[in-house]
Every structure is written in C-alpha cells, then in structure tokens.
C-alpha cells in the first residue's frame, strides 16, 4: 500500500527522513479493524516525529498520521480516534499514562489502510465530507476539549487564542464562534490575523499587545513566548488552558505571584475521548461548520504538504486524499 512514513529522523532536516512509498498492508488482528482511508490530515506531531521527538528511532519505519476517516470492513463511514490505550486499561483513554497516539507505537493514518482498535472507530455523521472529517481527530478534538470541557467559559464570555493559523487555533476560533463565545486572537502576521477575522474571530491583536479588557480564558499552545501575556490577559479567577508549547516550555517568568494572587486556574488539556470526538462531529454538522483547510493533496504528493508545514506556510489543515 502507498504510505507516508518516517524512515529516518533529523532534528535539523526533518524532510530528509520522510518517504512516500510502499509499505506492507496491515494485517487483521482480534479486536482491531482495518480501515480503508479516504482522507487523512497532517499535524505538527508528524513533523516532530521526523525530528525525533516522541518517536523512538527503534520503532522506525513508522507510518505517520493521527487524523483520518474512511471505510471499515463492513463499508461503514468512520472517523478514526487516534488515542490508543494500553492493554488492560479501564477508564477515559487520555488519562492512561501509557497511552499512545497512532504513529507512535502503531502505524498511523497517512496510508491507504490503517488498523486501529475497533472501539476507536466513530460513526461518521451524514453531511460531513471526507476532507472535513479528516480534520477532526487531533487538532479539532484538542480544541473541542479545551473550550467546552476545560475553559469553564459560558457562551457570551471572552476567549483569547494565542497565535493564529495553526490547526488548533483555527479550530478554536471556528468552534468558539459557533458556540457564542467572543473570540479574540493574537498574531504576529497581519494577513493571518485578517483571515482569523474571516473565519469568526471578533478581534485580532498583535502578539503581546495590551488588551482593552481582561478575558475569561486564554487558549495557550505557544508556551514560553506568550506565557506572561496569557497570565496578564486574564481577569481574576480566569483560566489558562494549555495544550502545547511550540515555543518551549520554560518561560522567562513563571508569573507564580500573579497566578495565586489573581486566583487563576492553569489547566492542562490533551486530545479528547472517543465520545468527545463523536460529539464534536455532530456539533460540526449541526452548526454547519466547514473546518478551514489550507490545501488538499493526493497522498502521493505528501512531501509537498509536509514542506508547507515545516516552512510555517499553513493556515488551517493540510489534507491528503487517498
């Protein structure tokens, strides 16, 4: 089968280890299902794997990809939930300390076929295209949990999204706008800020700019570069929800005094459950949300999509069709 996989790793030249070529078809196993992938989306996780972060070298070659949608063996349209719990785990899968994502221990979705635990399959609701469905399993699911499970913000509240353009950031703006939040965004790039307004943001500010009023919650995926601004942007009792740290996890100032004096909450958020993925898919259909897609490419041209992400030239999701 055709697949995009990591054959080697390099922290400075991640594309050097990417191969788009033939891999063996996945073999059926008890309790798992083989999905014929129709569309799959790219995430920064895939680039980090090529850099050698989170994917041990002894597991190579590894088919990349966490997001995907396709047909199961019975021909049912399904979404693939990417969080795989360890054997014997009972409970919410993202709390399993030994959990993995597809493409970390088991081959991922950037292939013609992928095998996943049958319990990880979510029925795909009518009205959802393959391309939109392929966006949901990782970045959109992360955004859904950040906003609706962890922020504590009610409709009508104000939410600040640090950074504009990435998959999680665009999902946060679209979901929050549809749910009745006032969505503010920071951006280093004026053009990206303008596009954020076009997809539902109410206001856009330069990175680090003083806000006209404090917000109820900050959605933080940038980390060190924006941490102090996130703390200072919050009203007393507000919440920072953090799901990533692309600029590093060691800010110059931890801002501990402000955090305890203003009684702020700092909530870690990772992915989401299978049930939340099902709820997200229904919400997207019910609200008529079309996930922002940067580009759609055939899987054979996956290298071009990876290059766009490595160069930072992406607004929304890069989707590969199979």
C-alpha atoms as a PDB file:
ATOM      1  CA  UNK A   1       0.000   0.000   0.000  1.00  0.00           C
ATOM      2  CA  UNK A   2       1.056   3.625  -0.508  1.00  0.00           C
ATOM      3  CA  UNK A   3       2.036   5.398   2.713  1.00  0.00           C
ATOM      4  CA  UNK A   4       3.967   8.395   4.030  1.00  0.00           C
ATOM      5  CA  UNK A   5       6.366   7.114   6.651  1.00  0.00           C
ATOM      6  CA  UNK A   6       9.367   8.038   8.747  1.00  0.00           C
ATOM      7  CA  UNK A   7      12.373   6.017   7.646  1.00  0.00           C
ATOM      8  CA  UNK A   8      14.917   8.179   9.469  1.00  0.00           C
ATOM      9  CA  UNK A   9      14.995  11.221  11.747  1.00  0.00           C
ATOM     10  CA  UNK A  10      16.792  14.565  11.788  1.00  0.00           C
ATOM     11  CA  UNK A  11      16.273  17.463  14.168  1.00  0.00           C
ATOM     12  CA  UNK A  12      17.505  19.968  11.580  1.00  0.00           C
ATOM     13  CA  UNK A  13      16.208  18.435   8.329  1.00  0.00           C
ATOM     14  CA  UNK A  14      13.015  16.522   9.119  1.00  0.00           C
ATOM     15  CA  UNK A  15      12.046  16.030   5.480  1.00  0.00           C
ATOM     16  CA  UNK A  16      15.199  14.001   4.899  1.00  0.00           C
ATOM     17  CA  UNK A  17      13.643  11.070   6.759  1.00  0.00           C
ATOM     18  CA  UNK A  18      10.237  11.187   5.042  1.00  0.00           C
ATOM     19  CA  UNK A  19       9.464   8.535   2.451  1.00  0.00           C
ATOM     20  CA  UNK A  20       6.305   8.344   0.350  1.00  0.00           C
ATOM     21  CA  UNK A  21       6.261   4.806  -0.953  1.00  0.00           C
ATOM     22  CA  UNK A  22       5.077   1.260  -0.496  1.00  0.00           C
ATOM     23  CA  UNK A  23       4.565  -0.396   2.894  1.00  0.00           C
ATOM     24  CA  UNK A  24       3.028  -3.797   3.718  1.00  0.00           C
ATOM     25  CA  UNK A  25      -0.740  -3.875   4.142  1.00  0.00           C
ATOM     26  CA  UNK A  26      -1.809  -4.026   7.807  1.00  0.00           C
ATOM     27  CA  UNK A  27      -2.816  -7.479   8.992  1.00  0.00           C
ATOM     28  CA  UNK A  28      -6.159  -8.113  10.747  1.00  0.00           C
ATOM     29  CA  UNK A  29      -5.930  -8.856  14.480  1.00  0.00           C
ATOM     30  CA  UNK A  30      -8.500  -9.695  17.132  1.00  0.00           C
ATOM     31  CA  UNK A  31     -10.280  -6.633  18.495  1.00  0.00           C
ATOM     32  CA  UNK A  32      -8.887  -4.364  15.786  1.00  0.00           C
ATOM     33  CA  UNK A  33     -10.362  -3.178  12.478  1.00  0.00           C
ATOM     34  CA  UNK A  34      -8.760  -2.368   9.152  1.00  0.00           C
ATOM     35  CA  UNK A  35      -9.941   0.968   7.744  1.00  0.00           C
ATOM     36  CA  UNK A  36      -9.608   1.897   4.082  1.00  0.00           C
ATOM     37  CA  UNK A  37      -8.568   5.531   4.437  1.00  0.00           C
ATOM     38  CA  UNK A  38     -10.334   8.085   2.242  1.00  0.00           C
ATOM     39  CA  UNK A  39      -8.702  11.222   3.672  1.00  0.00           C
ATOM     40  CA  UNK A  40      -6.118  11.992   6.332  1.00  0.00           C
ATOM     41  CA  UNK A  41      -4.739  15.258   7.696  1.00  0.00           C
ATOM     42  CA  UNK A  42      -1.304  16.458   8.701  1.00  0.00           C
ATOM     43  CA  UNK A  43      -0.336  17.636  12.189  1.00  0.00           C
ATOM     44  CA  UNK A  44       2.754  19.165  13.750  1.00  0.00           C
ATOM     45  CA  UNK A  45       3.019  15.852  15.593  1.00  0.00           C
ATOM     46  CA  UNK A  46       4.078  14.273  12.300  1.00  0.00           C
ATOM     47  CA  UNK A  47       6.891  16.778  11.818  1.00  0.00           C
ATOM     48  CA  UNK A  48       8.041  16.305  15.412  1.00  0.00           C
ATOM     49  CA  UNK A  49       8.199  12.555  14.777  1.00  0.00           C
ATOM     50  CA  UNK A  50      10.513  13.196  11.833  1.00  0.00           C
ATOM     51  CA  UNK A  51      12.647  15.384  14.121  1.00  0.00           C
ATOM     52  CA  UNK A  52      12.989  12.505  16.586  1.00  0.00           C
ATOM     53  CA  UNK A  53      10.636  13.835  19.263  1.00  0.00           C
ATOM     54  CA  UNK A  54       8.162  11.354  20.758  1.00  0.00           C
ATOM     55  CA  UNK A  55       9.011   8.552  18.327  1.00  0.00           C
ATOM     56  CA  UNK A  56      11.944   6.331  19.345  1.00  0.00           C
ATOM     57  CA  UNK A  57      14.307   5.507  16.496  1.00  0.00           C
ATOM     58  CA  UNK A  58      13.989   1.776  17.169  1.00  0.00           C
ATOM     59  CA  UNK A  59      10.338   1.916  16.010  1.00  0.00           C
ATOM     60  CA  UNK A  60      11.230   3.047  12.505  1.00  0.00           C
ATOM     61  CA  UNK A  61       9.991   2.734   9.847  1.00  0.00           C
ATOM     62  CA  UNK A  62       6.690   4.164  11.112  1.00  0.00           C
ATOM     63  CA  UNK A  63       3.704   5.255   9.040  1.00  0.00           C
ATOM     64  CA  UNK A  64       2.842   8.791  10.136  1.00  0.00           C
ATOM     65  CA  UNK A  65      -0.558  10.386  10.714  1.00  0.00           C
ATOM     66  CA  UNK A  66      -3.127  10.706  13.523  1.00  0.00           C
ATOM     67  CA  UNK A  67      -6.152  12.147  11.699  1.00  0.00           C
ATOM     68  CA  UNK A  68      -8.186  10.003   9.339  1.00  0.00           C
ATOM     69  CA  UNK A  69     -11.565   8.953   8.005  1.00  0.00           C
ATOM     70  CA  UNK A  70     -12.567   6.065   5.795  1.00  0.00           C
ATOM     71  CA  UNK A  71     -14.499   2.823   5.458  1.00  0.00           C
ATOM     72  CA  UNK A  72     -14.373  -0.103   7.855  1.00  0.00           C
ATOM     73  CA  UNK A  73     -14.531  -3.739   6.684  1.00  0.00           C
ATOM     74  CA  UNK A  74     -18.329  -3.573   6.519  1.00  0.00           C
ATOM     75  CA  UNK A  75     -18.294  -0.415   4.387  1.00  0.00           C
ATOM     76  CA  UNK A  76     -19.365   1.923   7.195  1.00  0.00           C
ATOM     77  CA  UNK A  77     -18.116   5.520   7.087  1.00  0.00           C
ATOM     78  CA  UNK A  78     -15.994   6.067  10.197  1.00  0.00           C
ATOM     79  CA  UNK A  79     -13.726   8.558  11.917  1.00  0.00           C
ATOM     80  CA  UNK A  80     -10.552   7.214  13.483  1.00  0.00           C
ATOM     81  CA  UNK A  81      -9.921   8.176  17.114  1.00  0.00           C
ATOM     82  CA  UNK A  82      -6.144   8.406  17.432  1.00  0.00           C
ATOM     83  CA  UNK A  83      -5.655   7.790  21.180  1.00  0.00           C
ATOM     84  CA  UNK A  84      -4.785   4.134  21.791  1.00  0.00           C
ATOM     85  CA  UNK A  85      -4.991   2.969  25.408  1.00  0.00           C
ATOM     86  CA  UNK A  86      -2.612   0.333  26.714  1.00  0.00           C
ATOM     87  CA  UNK A  87      -3.740  -3.268  27.100  1.00  0.00           C
ATOM     88  CA  UNK A  88      -5.973  -3.711  30.125  1.00  0.00           C
ATOM     89  CA  UNK A  89      -6.602  -0.008  30.715  1.00  0.00           C
ATOM     90  CA  UNK A  90     -10.053   0.840  32.041  1.00  0.00           C
ATOM     91  CA  UNK A  91     -11.376   4.378  32.037  1.00  0.00           C
ATOM     92  CA  UNK A  92     -11.011   7.519  29.956  1.00  0.00           C
ATOM     93  CA  UNK A  93      -8.268   6.778  27.466  1.00  0.00           C
ATOM     94  CA  UNK A  94      -6.442  10.118  27.605  1.00  0.00           C
ATOM     95  CA  UNK A  95      -5.749   9.554  31.330  1.00  0.00           C
ATOM     96  CA  UNK A  96      -3.864   6.320  30.661  1.00  0.00           C
ATOM     97  CA  UNK A  97      -0.198   7.128  31.443  1.00  0.00           C
ATOM     98  CA  UNK A  98       0.841   4.510  28.869  1.00  0.00           C
ATOM     99  CA  UNK A  99      -1.452   5.731  26.108  1.00  0.00           C
ATOM    100  CA  UNK A 100      -0.045   6.409  22.668  1.00  0.00           C
ATOM    101  CA  UNK A 101      -1.235   8.151  19.534  1.00  0.00           C
ATOM    102  CA  UNK A 102      -1.358   6.424  16.209  1.00  0.00           C
ATOM    103  CA  UNK A 103       2.098   6.740  14.592  1.00  0.00           C
ATOM    104  CA  UNK A 104       3.892   6.450  17.952  1.00  0.00           C
ATOM    105  CA  UNK A 105       3.588   2.705  18.605  1.00  0.00           C
ATOM    106  CA  UNK A 106       1.178   1.622  15.883  1.00  0.00           C
ATOM    107  CA  UNK A 107       1.264   2.741  12.250  1.00  0.00           C
ATOM    108  CA  UNK A 108      -0.719   5.893  11.502  1.00  0.00           C
ATOM    109  CA  UNK A 109      -3.287   7.128   9.025  1.00  0.00           C
ATOM    110  CA  UNK A 110      -1.170   8.543   6.180  1.00  0.00           C
ATOM    111  CA  UNK A 111      -1.689   5.363   4.182  1.00  0.00           C
ATOM    112  CA  UNK A 112      -4.225   3.574   2.060  1.00  0.00           C
ATOM    113  CA  UNK A 113      -5.111   1.387   5.062  1.00  0.00           C
ATOM    114  CA  UNK A 114      -4.737   1.615   8.821  1.00  0.00           C
ATOM    115  CA  UNK A 115      -5.581  -0.848  11.579  1.00  0.00           C
ATOM    116  CA  UNK A 116      -6.963   0.502  14.855  1.00  0.00           C
ATOM    117  CA  UNK A 117      -8.792  -0.886  17.896  1.00  0.00           C
ATOM    118  CA  UNK A 118     -12.411  -1.400  16.855  1.00  0.00           C
ATOM    119  CA  UNK A 119     -13.506   0.707  19.833  1.00  0.00           C
ATOM    120  CA  UNK A 120     -11.633   3.658  18.330  1.00  0.00           C
ATOM    121  CA  UNK A 121     -13.988   3.865  15.362  1.00  0.00           C
ATOM    122  CA  UNK A 122     -16.616   6.626  15.498  1.00  0.00           C
ATOM    123  CA  UNK A 123     -19.575   6.572  13.080  1.00  0.00           C
ATOM    124  CA  UNK A 124     -19.260   9.452  10.645  1.00  0.00           C
ATOM    125  CA  UNK A 125     -22.426  11.578  10.594  1.00  0.00           C
ATOM    126  CA  UNK A 126     -24.182  12.394   7.349  1.00  0.00           C
ATOM    127  CA  UNK A 127     -23.354  15.793   5.924  1.00  0.00           C
ATOM    128  CA  UNK A 128     -19.625  15.566   6.638  1.00  0.00           C
ATOM    129  CA  UNK A 129     -17.206  15.399   3.711  1.00  0.00           C
ATOM    130  CA  UNK A 130     -14.168  13.142   3.780  1.00  0.00           C
ATOM    131  CA  UNK A 131     -11.882  16.182   3.818  1.00  0.00           C
ATOM    132  CA  UNK A 132     -13.691  17.816   6.755  1.00  0.00           C
ATOM    133  CA  UNK A 133     -13.886  14.524   8.632  1.00  0.00           C
ATOM    134  CA  UNK A 134     -10.139  14.054   8.259  1.00  0.00           C
ATOM    135  CA  UNK A 135      -9.518  17.294  10.174  1.00  0.00           C
ATOM    136  CA  UNK A 136     -11.302  16.357  13.379  1.00  0.00           C
ATOM    137  CA  UNK A 137      -9.437  13.607  15.224  1.00  0.00           C
ATOM    138  CA  UNK A 138      -6.477  15.585  16.586  1.00  0.00           C
ATOM    139  CA  UNK A 139      -6.361  19.393  16.341  1.00  0.00           C
ATOM    140  CA  UNK A 140     -10.132  19.854  16.309  1.00  0.00           C
ATOM    141  CA  UNK A 141     -10.673  17.352  19.107  1.00  0.00           C
ATOM    142  CA  UNK A 142      -7.997  19.112  21.154  1.00  0.00           C
ATOM    143  CA  UNK A 143      -9.735  22.458  20.587  1.00  0.00           C
ATOM    144  CA  UNK A 144     -13.150  20.995  21.450  1.00  0.00           C
ATOM    145  CA  UNK A 145     -11.959  19.736  24.841  1.00  0.00           C
ATOM    146  CA  UNK A 146     -10.048  22.931  25.581  1.00  0.00           C
ATOM    147  CA  UNK A 147     -13.113  25.100  25.011  1.00  0.00           C
ATOM    148  CA  UNK A 148     -16.033  23.014  26.162  1.00  0.00           C
ATOM    149  CA  UNK A 149     -14.596  20.742  28.863  1.00  0.00           C
ATOM    150  CA  UNK A 150     -11.759  22.752  30.395  1.00  0.00           C
ATOM    151  CA  UNK A 151     -12.210  26.502  29.914  1.00  0.00           C
ATOM    152  CA  UNK A 152     -15.241  26.936  32.178  1.00  0.00           C
ATOM    153  CA  UNK A 153     -16.428  29.766  29.917  1.00  0.00           C
ATOM    154  CA  UNK A 154     -20.146  30.153  29.213  1.00  0.00           C
ATOM    155  CA  UNK A 155     -21.496  31.436  25.889  1.00  0.00           C
ATOM    156  CA  UNK A 156     -21.070  35.187  25.812  1.00  0.00           C
ATOM    157  CA  UNK A 157     -17.702  35.032  27.548  1.00  0.00           C
ATOM    158  CA  UNK A 158     -14.445  36.230  26.011  1.00  0.00           C
ATOM    159  CA  UNK A 159     -11.698  33.800  24.998  1.00  0.00           C
ATOM    160  CA  UNK A 160      -8.217  34.748  23.798  1.00  0.00           C
ATOM    161  CA  UNK A 161      -6.421  32.398  21.391  1.00  0.00           C
ATOM    162  CA  UNK A 162      -2.661  32.843  21.366  1.00  0.00           C
ATOM    163  CA  UNK A 163      -1.487  32.611  17.764  1.00  0.00           C
ATOM    164  CA  UNK A 164      -3.425  32.326  14.529  1.00  0.00           C
ATOM    165  CA  UNK A 165      -3.147  29.953  11.637  1.00  0.00           C
ATOM    166  CA  UNK A 166      -2.421  26.528  13.070  1.00  0.00           C
ATOM    167  CA  UNK A 167      -4.928  23.692  13.133  1.00  0.00           C
ATOM    168  CA  UNK A 168      -5.794  24.044  16.834  1.00  0.00           C
ATOM    169  CA  UNK A 169      -6.018  27.845  16.636  1.00  0.00           C
ATOM    170  CA  UNK A 170      -8.351  27.885  13.634  1.00  0.00           C
ATOM    171  CA  UNK A 171     -10.486  25.158  15.201  1.00  0.00           C
ATOM    172  CA  UNK A 172     -10.748  27.152  18.436  1.00  0.00           C
ATOM    173  CA  UNK A 173     -11.917  30.237  16.552  1.00  0.00           C
ATOM    174  CA  UNK A 174     -14.490  28.357  14.486  1.00  0.00           C
ATOM    175  CA  UNK A 175     -15.854  26.293  17.381  1.00  0.00           C
ATOM    176  CA  UNK A 176     -15.923  29.193  19.827  1.00  0.00           C
ATOM    177  CA  UNK A 177     -17.649  31.497  17.381  1.00  0.00           C
ATOM    178  CA  UNK A 178     -20.303  28.859  16.637  1.00  0.00           C
ATOM    179  CA  UNK A 179     -20.897  28.353  20.371  1.00  0.00           C
ATOM    180  CA  UNK A 180     -21.450  32.042  21.136  1.00  0.00           C
ATOM    181  CA  UNK A 181     -18.087  32.994  22.629  1.00  0.00           C
ATOM    182  CA  UNK A 182     -16.414  36.304  21.853  1.00  0.00           C
ATOM    183  CA  UNK A 183     -13.172  35.093  20.264  1.00  0.00           C
ATOM    184  CA  UNK A 184     -10.035  37.241  20.332  1.00  0.00           C
ATOM    185  CA  UNK A 185      -6.810  36.188  18.621  1.00  0.00           C
ATOM    186  CA  UNK A 186      -3.180  37.302  18.712  1.00  0.00           C
ATOM    187  CA  UNK A 187      -0.979  37.061  15.639  1.00  0.00           C
ATOM    188  CA  UNK A 188       2.499  38.089  14.516  1.00  0.00           C
ATOM    189  CA  UNK A 189       1.290  38.244  10.912  1.00  0.00           C
ATOM    190  CA  UNK A 190      -1.267  40.791   9.711  1.00  0.00           C
ATOM    191  CA  UNK A 191      -2.527  38.584   6.874  1.00  0.00           C
ATOM    192  CA  UNK A 192      -3.134  35.654   9.220  1.00  0.00           C
ATOM    193  CA  UNK A 193      -4.925  37.981  11.599  1.00  0.00           C
ATOM    194  CA  UNK A 194      -7.210  39.121   8.795  1.00  0.00           C
ATOM    195  CA  UNK A 195      -8.013  35.511   7.916  1.00  0.00           C
ATOM    196  CA  UNK A 196      -8.837  34.816  11.562  1.00  0.00           C
ATOM    197  CA  UNK A 197     -11.435  37.589  11.373  1.00  0.00           C
ATOM    198  CA  UNK A 198     -12.883  35.998   8.239  1.00  0.00           C
ATOM    199  CA  UNK A 199     -13.444  32.638   9.997  1.00  0.00           C
ATOM    200  CA  UNK A 200     -15.126  34.049  13.097  1.00  0.00           C
ATOM    201  CA  UNK A 201     -12.679  35.935  15.329  1.00  0.00           C
ATOM    202  CA  UNK A 202     -14.149  39.136  16.783  1.00  0.00           C
ATOM    203  CA  UNK A 203     -10.863  40.994  17.210  1.00  0.00           C
ATOM    204  CA  UNK A 204      -7.195  40.444  16.397  1.00  0.00           C
ATOM    205  CA  UNK A 205      -4.242  41.881  18.303  1.00  0.00           C
ATOM    206  CA  UNK A 206      -0.513  41.883  17.703  1.00  0.00           C
ATOM    207  CA  UNK A 207       1.406  39.306  19.722  1.00  0.00           C
ATOM    208  CA  UNK A 208       1.970  40.690  23.214  1.00  0.00           C
ATOM    209  CA  UNK A 209      -0.299  43.708  22.671  1.00  0.00           C
ATOM    210  CA  UNK A 210      -2.113  45.095  25.704  1.00  0.00           C
ATOM    211  CA  UNK A 211      -5.797  44.147  25.502  1.00  0.00           C
ATOM    212  CA  UNK A 212      -8.630  46.645  26.042  1.00  0.00           C
ATOM    213  CA  UNK A 213     -10.071  44.424  28.789  1.00  0.00           C
ATOM    214  CA  UNK A 214      -9.197  41.179  30.512  1.00  0.00           C
ATOM    215  CA  UNK A 215     -10.604  37.913  29.204  1.00  0.00           C
ATOM    216  CA  UNK A 216     -12.290  34.930  30.822  1.00  0.00           C
ATOM    217  CA  UNK A 217      -9.924  32.317  29.402  1.00  0.00           C
ATOM    218  CA  UNK A 218      -6.777  32.012  27.300  1.00  0.00           C
ATOM    219  CA  UNK A 219      -6.187  29.099  24.931  1.00  0.00           C
ATOM    220  CA  UNK A 220      -2.443  28.535  25.052  1.00  0.00           C
ATOM    221  CA  UNK A 221      -0.494  26.388  22.588  1.00  0.00           C
ATOM    222  CA  UNK A 222       2.565  28.599  22.098  1.00  0.00           C
ATOM    223  CA  UNK A 223       4.188  28.326  25.530  1.00  0.00           C
ATOM    224  CA  UNK A 224       7.219  30.313  26.624  1.00  0.00           C
ATOM    225  CA  UNK A 225       6.877  33.154  24.117  1.00  0.00           C
ATOM    226  CA  UNK A 226       3.323  34.075  25.153  1.00  0.00           C
ATOM    227  CA  UNK A 227       3.090  32.846  28.755  1.00  0.00           C
ATOM    228  CA  UNK A 228       3.430  36.202  30.537  1.00  0.00           C
ATOM    229  CA  UNK A 229       0.950  37.808  28.149  1.00  0.00           C
ATOM    230  CA  UNK A 230      -1.517  34.984  28.799  1.00  0.00           C
ATOM    231  CA  UNK A 231      -1.301  35.472  32.577  1.00  0.00           C
ATOM    232  CA  UNK A 232      -1.643  39.245  32.312  1.00  0.00           C
ATOM    233  CA  UNK A 233      -4.592  38.983  29.907  1.00  0.00           C
ATOM    234  CA  UNK A 234      -6.804  37.108  32.377  1.00  0.00           C
ATOM    235  CA  UNK A 235      -9.405  38.535  34.687  1.00  0.00           C
ATOM    236  CA  UNK A 236      -9.194  37.419  38.343  1.00  0.00           C
ATOM    237  CA  UNK A 237     -10.424  33.840  38.559  1.00  0.00           C
ATOM    238  CA  UNK A 238      -9.808  33.250  34.861  1.00  0.00           C
ATOM    239  CA  UNK A 239      -8.366  30.153  33.224  1.00  0.00           C
ATOM    240  CA  UNK A 240      -5.419  29.327  31.015  1.00  0.00           C
ATOM    241  CA  UNK A 241      -5.958  26.082  29.105  1.00  0.00           C
ATOM    242  CA  UNK A 242      -2.664  24.792  27.743  1.00  0.00           C
ATOM    243  CA  UNK A 243      -2.337  22.003  25.209  1.00  0.00           C
ATOM    244  CA  UNK A 244       1.072  22.700  23.723  1.00  0.00           C
ATOM    245  CA  UNK A 245       4.275  24.690  23.928  1.00  0.00           C
ATOM    246  CA  UNK A 246       5.611  25.118  20.412  1.00  0.00           C
ATOM    247  CA  UNK A 247       7.996  27.909  21.515  1.00  0.00           C
ATOM    248  CA  UNK A 248       9.299  25.926  24.505  1.00  0.00           C
ATOM    249  CA  UNK A 249       8.057  25.064  27.980  1.00  0.00           C
ATOM    250  CA  UNK A 250      10.395  27.234  30.072  1.00  0.00           C
ATOM    251  CA  UNK A 251       9.110  30.833  30.135  1.00  0.00           C
ATOM    252  CA  UNK A 252      11.466  33.558  31.393  1.00  0.00           C
ATOM    253  CA  UNK A 253       8.952  34.338  34.159  1.00  0.00           C
ATOM    254  CA  UNK A 254       6.613  31.739  35.650  1.00  0.00           C
ATOM    255  CA  UNK A 255       4.335  34.526  36.965  1.00  0.00           C
ATOM    256  CA  UNK A 256       3.528  32.483  40.085  1.00  0.00           C
ATOM    257  CA  UNK A 257       2.709  35.541  42.207  1.00  0.00           C
ATOM    258  CA  UNK A 258       0.107  36.755  39.721  1.00  0.00           C
ATOM    259  CA  UNK A 259      -1.326  33.266  39.376  1.00  0.00           C
ATOM    260  CA  UNK A 260      -2.014  32.818  43.083  1.00  0.00           C
ATOM    261  CA  UNK A 261      -2.919  36.457  43.817  1.00  0.00           C
ATOM    262  CA  UNK A 262      -5.460  36.605  40.965  1.00  0.00           C
ATOM    263  CA  UNK A 263      -6.590  33.033  41.753  1.00  0.00           C
ATOM    264  CA  UNK A 264      -6.051  31.925  38.179  1.00  0.00           C
ATOM    265  CA  UNK A 265      -6.521  28.364  37.016  1.00  0.00           C
ATOM    266  CA  UNK A 266      -3.983  26.631  34.791  1.00  0.00           C
ATOM    267  CA  UNK A 267      -5.481  23.550  33.144  1.00  0.00           C
ATOM    268  CA  UNK A 268      -3.561  21.034  31.088  1.00  0.00           C
ATOM    269  CA  UNK A 269      -5.522  19.591  28.172  1.00  0.00           C
ATOM    270  CA  UNK A 270      -4.557  16.699  25.911  1.00  0.00           C
ATOM    271  CA  UNK A 271      -6.581  15.468  22.939  1.00  0.00           C
ATOM    272  CA  UNK A 272     -10.058  14.169  23.826  1.00  0.00           C
ATOM    273  CA  UNK A 273     -12.028  10.983  24.306  1.00  0.00           C
ATOM    274  CA  UNK A 274     -13.769   8.851  21.696  1.00  0.00           C
ATOM    275  CA  UNK A 275     -17.122  10.143  22.973  1.00  0.00           C
ATOM    276  CA  UNK A 276     -15.961  13.745  22.631  1.00  0.00           C
ATOM    277  CA  UNK A 277     -14.913  13.026  19.042  1.00  0.00           C
ATOM    278  CA  UNK A 278     -18.438  11.777  18.319  1.00  0.00           C
ATOM    279  CA  UNK A 279     -19.919  14.898  19.945  1.00  0.00           C
ATOM    280  CA  UNK A 280     -17.538  17.139  18.005  1.00  0.00           C
ATOM    281  CA  UNK A 281     -18.531  15.568  14.686  1.00  0.00           C
ATOM    282  CA  UNK A 282     -22.213  16.095  15.449  1.00  0.00           C
ATOM    283  CA  UNK A 283     -21.605  19.693  16.521  1.00  0.00           C
ATOM    284  CA  UNK A 284     -19.718  20.465  13.303  1.00  0.00           C
ATOM    285  CA  UNK A 285     -22.588  19.085  11.215  1.00  0.00           C
ATOM    286  CA  UNK A 286     -25.346  20.717  13.264  1.00  0.00           C
ATOM    287  CA  UNK A 287     -23.682  24.143  13.152  1.00  0.00           C
ATOM    288  CA  UNK A 288     -22.692  23.865   9.507  1.00  0.00           C
ATOM    289  CA  UNK A 289     -19.018  24.428  10.307  1.00  0.00           C
ATOM    290  CA  UNK A 290     -16.568  23.848   7.472  1.00  0.00           C
ATOM    291  CA  UNK A 291     -13.111  23.288   9.002  1.00  0.00           C
ATOM    292  CA  UNK A 292     -10.547  25.620   7.465  1.00  0.00           C
ATOM    293  CA  UNK A 293      -8.432  23.608   5.043  1.00  0.00           C
ATOM    294  CA  UNK A 294      -5.173  25.084   3.836  1.00  0.00           C
ATOM    295  CA  UNK A 295      -4.716  22.640   0.961  1.00  0.00           C
ATOM    296  CA  UNK A 296      -5.850  19.256  -0.328  1.00  0.00           C
ATOM    297  CA  UNK A 297      -3.268  17.000  -1.963  1.00  0.00           C
ATOM    298  CA  UNK A 298      -3.183  13.383  -3.084  1.00  0.00           C
ATOM    299  CA  UNK A 299      -1.189  11.183  -0.701  1.00  0.00           C
ATOM    300  CA  UNK A 300       1.418  10.688  -3.431  1.00  0.00           C
ATOM    301  CA  UNK A 301       2.265  14.404  -3.017  1.00  0.00           C
ATOM    302  CA  UNK A 302       2.542  14.231   0.772  1.00  0.00           C
ATOM    303  CA  UNK A 303       6.075  15.643   0.728  1.00  0.00           C
ATOM    304  CA  UNK A 304       4.700  18.957  -0.586  1.00  0.00           C
ATOM    305  CA  UNK A 305       2.270  19.174   2.340  1.00  0.00           C
ATOM    306  CA  UNK A 306       4.989  18.373   4.867  1.00  0.00           C
ATOM    307  CA  UNK A 307       7.200  21.048   3.330  1.00  0.00           C
ATOM    308  CA  UNK A 308       4.465  23.673   3.748  1.00  0.00           C
ATOM    309  CA  UNK A 309       4.150  22.797   7.433  1.00  0.00           C
ATOM    310  CA  UNK A 310       7.902  22.787   8.034  1.00  0.00           C
ATOM    311  CA  UNK A 311       8.132  26.223   6.392  1.00  0.00           C
ATOM    312  CA  UNK A 312       5.253  27.550   8.529  1.00  0.00           C
ATOM    313  CA  UNK A 313       3.273  28.363   5.405  1.00  0.00           C
ATOM    314  CA  UNK A 314      -0.042  26.909   6.610  1.00  0.00           C
ATOM    315  CA  UNK A 315      -3.403  28.382   7.649  1.00  0.00           C
ATOM    316  CA  UNK A 316      -5.756  25.596   8.719  1.00  0.00           C
ATOM    317  CA  UNK A 317      -5.302  21.927   7.905  1.00  0.00           C
ATOM    318  CA  UNK A 318      -3.331  20.153   5.185  1.00  0.00           C
ATOM    319  CA  UNK A 319      -5.403  17.191   3.972  1.00  0.00           C
ATOM    320  CA  UNK A 320      -4.291  14.209   1.896  1.00  0.00           C
ATOM    321  CA  UNK A 321      -6.805  12.235  -0.140  1.00  0.00           C
ATOM    322  CA  UNK A 322      -6.436   8.550  -0.895  1.00  0.00           C
END
